[in-house]
Amino acid sequence: MAEKIIMLACSAGMSTSLLVSKMQAAAKADGVDYKIFATSSADIDHQLGSDEKPDVLLLGPQIRYMANDVKKKTDKAGIPMDIINMSDYGMMNGENVLKTAEKLLGDA
């Protein structure tokens, strides 16, 4: 079973799929076992209320306008949240985005 669950959210959950693959490769190279997945912004509420809720949520930069509303929900659920750095997102830098998640988790 994965140590931690990292959720990425974007408009439809599609553009973050490649980033998830890059993050999984970076995690494997670092010898850590995370469940990393992407979902749509419409699915955030469902995921936060699920039995396997994420340990951290990263928002795609294209939905940064939702950050305040999502932050209220993640605070209530006790889950750290941040917005993915636009440069890291554009370059699909899975290693840097993984480091951001780990900092939020307190693992870095």
N, C-alpha and C. Protein backbone atom coordinates (compact mmCIF):
# COMPACT_ATOMS: atom_id res chain seq x y z
N MET A 1 0.83 -1.18 0.00
CA MET A 1 0.00 0.00 0.00
C MET A 1 0.88 1.25 0.00
N ALA A 2 0.44 2.27 -0.71
CA ALA A 2 1.21 3.50 -0.85
C ALA A 2 1.33 4.23 0.48
N GLU A 3 2.49 4.86 0.68
CA GLU A 3 2.73 5.64 1.89
C GLU A 3 1.76 6.81 2.00
N LYS A 4 1.67 7.59 0.94
CA LYS A 4 0.85 8.79 0.91
C LYS A 4 0.10 8.87 -0.41
N ILE A 5 -0.99 9.64 -0.41
CA ILE A 5 -1.78 9.83 -1.61
C ILE A 5 -1.68 11.29 -2.03
N ILE A 6 -1.23 11.51 -3.25
CA ILE A 6 -1.08 12.85 -3.80
C ILE A 6 -2.09 13.01 -4.94
N MET A 7 -2.95 14.02 -4.81
CA MET A 7 -3.97 14.27 -5.83
C MET A 7 -3.65 15.56 -6.56
N LEU A 8 -3.69 15.51 -7.88
CA LEU A 8 -3.58 16.69 -8.71
C LEU A 8 -4.94 16.96 -9.31
N ALA A 9 -5.33 18.20 -9.39
CA ALA A 9 -6.62 18.54 -9.98
C ALA A 9 -6.43 19.64 -11.02
N CYS A 10 -7.11 19.47 -12.14
CA CYS A 10 -7.11 20.50 -13.18
C CYS A 10 -8.53 20.56 -13.75
N SER A 11 -8.70 21.29 -14.81
CA SER A 11 -10.04 21.49 -15.36
C SER A 11 -10.75 20.18 -15.63
N ALA A 12 -10.11 19.30 -16.40
CA ALA A 12 -10.75 18.04 -16.73
C ALA A 12 -10.00 16.82 -16.21
N GLY A 13 -8.82 17.03 -15.64
CA GLY A 13 -8.02 15.90 -15.16
C GLY A 13 -7.16 15.29 -16.24
N MET A 14 -7.23 15.82 -17.43
CA MET A 14 -6.48 15.23 -18.54
C MET A 14 -5.07 15.80 -18.66
N SER A 15 -4.94 17.12 -18.55
CA SER A 15 -3.63 17.73 -18.76
C SER A 15 -2.64 17.36 -17.67
N THR A 16 -3.12 16.93 -16.52
CA THR A 16 -2.21 16.55 -15.44
C THR A 16 -1.79 15.08 -15.52
N SER A 17 -2.38 14.33 -16.42
CA SER A 17 -2.06 12.90 -16.52
C SER A 17 -0.60 12.65 -16.84
N LEU A 18 -0.03 13.40 -17.77
CA LEU A 18 1.38 13.24 -18.10
C LEU A 18 2.25 13.64 -16.90
N LEU A 19 1.85 14.69 -16.21
CA LEU A 19 2.60 15.12 -15.03
C LEU A 19 2.58 14.04 -13.96
N VAL A 20 1.46 13.36 -13.80
CA VAL A 20 1.37 12.24 -12.84
C VAL A 20 2.40 11.18 -13.19
N SER A 21 2.51 10.83 -14.47
CA SER A 21 3.49 9.82 -14.90
C SER A 21 4.91 10.26 -14.56
N LYS A 22 5.20 11.53 -14.78
CA LYS A 22 6.54 12.06 -14.48
C LYS A 22 6.79 12.05 -12.97
N MET A 23 5.78 12.37 -12.19
CA MET A 23 5.92 12.34 -10.73
C MET A 23 6.12 10.92 -10.23
N GLN A 24 5.39 9.96 -10.80
CA GLN A 24 5.53 8.57 -10.40
C GLN A 24 6.95 8.06 -10.70
N ALA A 25 7.49 8.47 -11.84
CA ALA A 25 8.85 8.08 -12.20
C ALA A 25 9.85 8.68 -11.21
N ALA A 26 9.64 9.95 -10.84
CA ALA A 26 10.53 10.61 -9.88
C ALA A 26 10.44 9.94 -8.51
N ALA A 27 9.23 9.58 -8.10
CA ALA A 27 9.05 8.90 -6.81
C ALA A 27 9.74 7.54 -6.81
N LYS A 28 9.58 6.82 -7.90
CA LYS A 28 10.22 5.50 -8.01
C LYS A 28 11.74 5.64 -7.94
N ALA A 29 12.28 6.65 -8.63
CA ALA A 29 13.72 6.88 -8.62
C ALA A 29 14.21 7.24 -7.21
N ASP A 30 13.35 7.90 -6.44
CA ASP A 30 13.69 8.27 -5.06
C ASP A 30 13.41 7.14 -4.07
N GLY A 31 12.81 6.05 -4.55
CA GLY A 31 12.53 4.91 -3.69
C GLY A 31 11.37 5.11 -2.74
N VAL A 32 10.43 5.98 -3.12
CA VAL A 32 9.25 6.20 -2.28
C VAL A 32 8.01 5.69 -3.00
N ASP A 33 7.04 5.29 -2.21
CA ASP A 33 5.82 4.70 -2.75
C ASP A 33 4.64 5.62 -2.46
N TYR A 34 4.24 6.38 -3.47
CA TYR A 34 3.09 7.26 -3.35
C TYR A 34 2.03 6.84 -4.36
N LYS A 35 0.79 7.02 -3.98
CA LYS A 35 -0.29 6.90 -4.95
C LYS A 35 -0.49 8.32 -5.47
N ILE A 36 -0.27 8.52 -6.75
CA ILE A 36 -0.39 9.84 -7.36
C ILE A 36 -1.42 9.72 -8.47
N PHE A 37 -2.43 10.60 -8.43
CA PHE A 37 -3.44 10.55 -9.47
C PHE A 37 -3.95 11.94 -9.81
N ALA A 38 -4.56 12.04 -10.98
CA ALA A 38 -5.14 13.30 -11.45
C ALA A 38 -6.65 13.15 -11.53
N THR A 39 -7.33 14.25 -11.27
CA THR A 39 -8.78 14.27 -11.36
C THR A 39 -9.23 15.64 -11.83
N SER A 40 -10.49 15.74 -12.13
CA SER A 40 -11.04 17.03 -12.56
C SER A 40 -11.39 17.88 -11.34
N SER A 41 -11.46 19.18 -11.56
CA SER A 41 -11.83 20.08 -10.46
C SER A 41 -13.23 19.75 -9.94
N ALA A 42 -14.09 19.24 -10.81
CA ALA A 42 -15.45 18.88 -10.40
C ALA A 42 -15.48 17.70 -9.44
N ASP A 43 -14.40 16.92 -9.39
CA ASP A 43 -14.34 15.72 -8.56
C ASP A 43 -13.66 15.96 -7.20
N ILE A 44 -13.19 17.19 -6.96
CA ILE A 44 -12.46 17.47 -5.72
C ILE A 44 -13.30 17.15 -4.49
N ASP A 45 -14.53 17.62 -4.43
CA ASP A 45 -15.38 17.39 -3.26
C ASP A 45 -15.55 15.89 -2.98
N HIS A 46 -15.79 15.12 -4.03
CA HIS A 46 -15.96 13.68 -3.88
C HIS A 46 -14.69 13.05 -3.30
N GLN A 47 -13.54 13.42 -3.85
CA GLN A 47 -12.27 12.84 -3.40
C GLN A 47 -11.96 13.20 -1.95
N LEU A 48 -12.27 14.44 -1.55
CA LEU A 48 -12.00 14.87 -0.18
C LEU A 48 -12.88 14.13 0.83
N GLY A 49 -14.03 13.65 0.38
CA GLY A 49 -14.93 12.93 1.26
C GLY A 49 -14.83 11.42 1.17
N SER A 50 -13.92 10.93 0.33
CA SER A 50 -13.83 9.48 0.13
C SER A 50 -13.05 8.81 1.26
N ASP A 51 -13.16 7.49 1.32
CA ASP A 51 -12.42 6.71 2.32
C ASP A 51 -10.92 6.81 2.12
N GLU A 52 -10.50 6.93 0.86
CA GLU A 52 -9.09 7.06 0.54
C GLU A 52 -8.78 8.48 0.13
N LYS A 53 -9.13 9.42 1.02
CA LYS A 53 -8.91 10.82 0.66
C LYS A 53 -7.41 11.10 0.55
N PRO A 54 -7.06 12.07 -0.29
CA PRO A 54 -5.63 12.36 -0.50
C PRO A 54 -4.99 12.96 0.75
N ASP A 55 -3.67 12.81 0.83
CA ASP A 55 -2.90 13.43 1.91
C ASP A 55 -2.47 14.83 1.53
N VAL A 56 -2.49 15.13 0.23
CA VAL A 56 -2.14 16.47 -0.27
C VAL A 56 -2.86 16.68 -1.60
N LEU A 57 -3.20 17.94 -1.87
CA LEU A 57 -3.87 18.30 -3.13
C LEU A 57 -3.08 19.41 -3.79
N LEU A 58 -2.76 19.21 -5.06
CA LEU A 58 -2.10 20.23 -5.86
C LEU A 58 -3.03 20.62 -7.01
N LEU A 59 -3.26 21.92 -7.14
CA LEU A 59 -4.12 22.43 -8.21
C LEU A 59 -3.28 22.82 -9.42
N GLY A 60 -3.79 22.49 -10.60
CA GLY A 60 -3.15 22.95 -11.83
C GLY A 60 -3.26 24.47 -11.92
N PRO A 61 -2.25 25.12 -12.50
CA PRO A 61 -2.27 26.59 -12.54
C PRO A 61 -3.46 27.17 -13.30
N GLN A 62 -4.05 26.39 -14.21
CA GLN A 62 -5.18 26.90 -14.97
C GLN A 62 -6.46 27.02 -14.13
N ILE A 63 -6.47 26.42 -12.93
CA ILE A 63 -7.64 26.57 -12.05
C ILE A 63 -7.26 27.29 -10.75
N ARG A 64 -6.22 28.08 -10.80
CA ARG A 64 -5.78 28.81 -9.61
C ARG A 64 -6.89 29.73 -9.09
N TYR A 65 -7.80 30.14 -9.97
CA TYR A 65 -8.92 30.99 -9.55
C TYR A 65 -9.82 30.30 -8.52
N MET A 66 -9.73 28.98 -8.43
CA MET A 66 -10.54 28.21 -7.48
C MET A 66 -9.85 28.02 -6.13
N ALA A 67 -8.61 28.48 -6.02
CA ALA A 67 -7.77 28.17 -4.85
C ALA A 67 -8.42 28.54 -3.52
N ASN A 68 -9.02 29.72 -3.42
CA ASN A 68 -9.59 30.13 -2.13
C ASN A 68 -10.73 29.20 -1.69
N ASP A 69 -11.61 28.86 -2.63
CA ASP A 69 -12.72 27.97 -2.29
C ASP A 69 -12.22 26.57 -1.94
N VAL A 70 -11.26 26.06 -2.72
CA VAL A 70 -10.73 24.72 -2.46
C VAL A 70 -9.96 24.71 -1.14
N LYS A 71 -9.23 25.78 -0.85
CA LYS A 71 -8.45 25.86 0.39
C LYS A 71 -9.35 25.73 1.61
N LYS A 72 -10.53 26.34 1.56
CA LYS A 72 -11.47 26.22 2.68
C LYS A 72 -11.86 24.75 2.88
N LYS A 73 -12.07 24.05 1.80
CA LYS A 73 -12.46 22.64 1.87
C LYS A 73 -11.31 21.76 2.37
N THR A 74 -10.10 22.03 1.87
CA THR A 74 -8.97 21.21 2.29
C THR A 74 -8.59 21.50 3.74
N ASP A 75 -8.72 22.75 4.15
CA ASP A 75 -8.47 23.09 5.56
C ASP A 75 -9.43 22.32 6.46
N LYS A 76 -10.69 22.28 6.06
CA LYS A 76 -11.71 21.57 6.85
C LYS A 76 -11.40 20.07 6.91
N ALA A 77 -10.84 19.54 5.82
CA ALA A 77 -10.51 18.11 5.75
C ALA A 77 -9.12 17.82 6.35
N GLY A 78 -8.37 18.87 6.69
CA GLY A 78 -7.04 18.67 7.25
C GLY A 78 -6.00 18.25 6.23
N ILE A 79 -6.17 18.72 5.00
CA ILE A 79 -5.28 18.33 3.91
C ILE A 79 -4.56 19.57 3.38
N PRO A 80 -3.23 19.53 3.29
CA PRO A 80 -2.52 20.68 2.71
C PRO A 80 -2.79 20.79 1.21
N MET A 81 -2.79 22.04 0.73
CA MET A 81 -3.07 22.30 -0.68
C MET A 81 -2.17 23.41 -1.18
N ASP A 82 -1.80 23.34 -2.44
CA ASP A 82 -1.04 24.41 -3.08
C ASP A 82 -1.34 24.38 -4.57
N ILE A 83 -0.85 25.41 -5.25
CA ILE A 83 -0.99 25.50 -6.70
C ILE A 83 0.34 25.08 -7.31
N ILE A 84 0.27 24.26 -8.33
CA ILE A 84 1.48 23.80 -9.01
C ILE A 84 2.15 25.00 -9.69
N ASN A 85 3.44 25.12 -9.51
CA ASN A 85 4.21 26.19 -10.16
C ASN A 85 4.00 26.13 -11.67
N MET A 86 3.66 27.28 -12.26
CA MET A 86 3.32 27.31 -13.68
C MET A 86 4.47 26.83 -14.57
N SER A 87 5.69 27.19 -14.22
CA SER A 87 6.85 26.76 -15.00
C SER A 87 7.04 25.25 -14.91
N ASP A 88 6.94 24.71 -13.69
CA ASP A 88 7.07 23.26 -13.51
C ASP A 88 5.95 22.53 -14.26
N TYR A 89 4.76 23.10 -14.23
CA TYR A 89 3.63 22.50 -14.93
C TYR A 89 3.87 22.51 -16.44
N GLY A 90 4.27 23.66 -16.95
CA GLY A 90 4.49 23.79 -18.39
C GLY A 90 5.60 22.88 -18.89
N MET A 91 6.63 22.69 -18.07
CA MET A 91 7.75 21.85 -18.46
C MET A 91 7.53 20.38 -18.07
N MET A 92 6.39 20.11 -17.42
CA MET A 92 6.07 18.77 -16.94
C MET A 92 7.20 18.23 -16.07
N ASN A 93 7.67 19.08 -15.15
CA ASN A 93 8.78 18.73 -14.27
C ASN A 93 8.24 17.96 -13.07
N GLY A 94 8.08 16.67 -13.24
CA GLY A 94 7.52 15.81 -12.20
C GLY A 94 8.33 15.81 -10.93
N GLU A 95 9.65 15.92 -11.05
CA GLU A 95 10.51 15.90 -9.87
C GLU A 95 10.25 17.13 -8.99
N ASN A 96 10.17 18.31 -9.60
CA ASN A 96 9.91 19.52 -8.81
C ASN A 96 8.51 19.52 -8.20
N VAL A 97 7.53 19.05 -8.95
CA VAL A 97 6.17 19.02 -8.43
C VAL A 97 6.08 18.01 -7.29
N LEU A 98 6.79 16.89 -7.41
CA LEU A 98 6.83 15.91 -6.33
C LEU A 98 7.46 16.53 -5.08
N LYS A 99 8.53 17.30 -5.25
CA LYS A 99 9.17 17.97 -4.12
C LYS A 99 8.21 18.94 -3.44
N THR A 100 7.40 19.64 -4.24
CA THR A 100 6.39 20.55 -3.67
C THR A 100 5.42 19.76 -2.81
N ALA A 101 4.95 18.64 -3.33
CA ALA A 101 4.01 17.80 -2.56
C ALA A 101 4.66 17.30 -1.28
N GLU A 102 5.90 16.87 -1.36
CA GLU A 102 6.60 16.35 -0.20
C GLU A 102 6.80 17.44 0.87
N LYS A 103 7.06 18.66 0.45
CA LYS A 103 7.18 19.76 1.41
C LYS A 103 5.86 19.97 2.14
N LEU A 104 4.77 19.91 1.40
CA LEU A 104 3.46 20.06 2.02
C LEU A 104 3.16 18.91 2.99
N LEU A 105 3.67 17.74 2.66
CA LEU A 105 3.47 16.57 3.51
C LEU A 105 4.40 16.57 4.71
N GLY A 106 5.43 17.40 4.64
CA GLY A 106 6.42 17.43 5.70
C GLY A 106 7.46 16.34 5.55
N ASP A 107 7.57 15.77 4.33
CA ASP A 107 8.52 14.67 4.08
C ASP A 107 9.84 15.17 3.51
N ALA A 108 9.94 16.47 3.26
CA ALA A 108 11.16 16.96 2.61
C ALA A 108 12.06 17.66 3.61
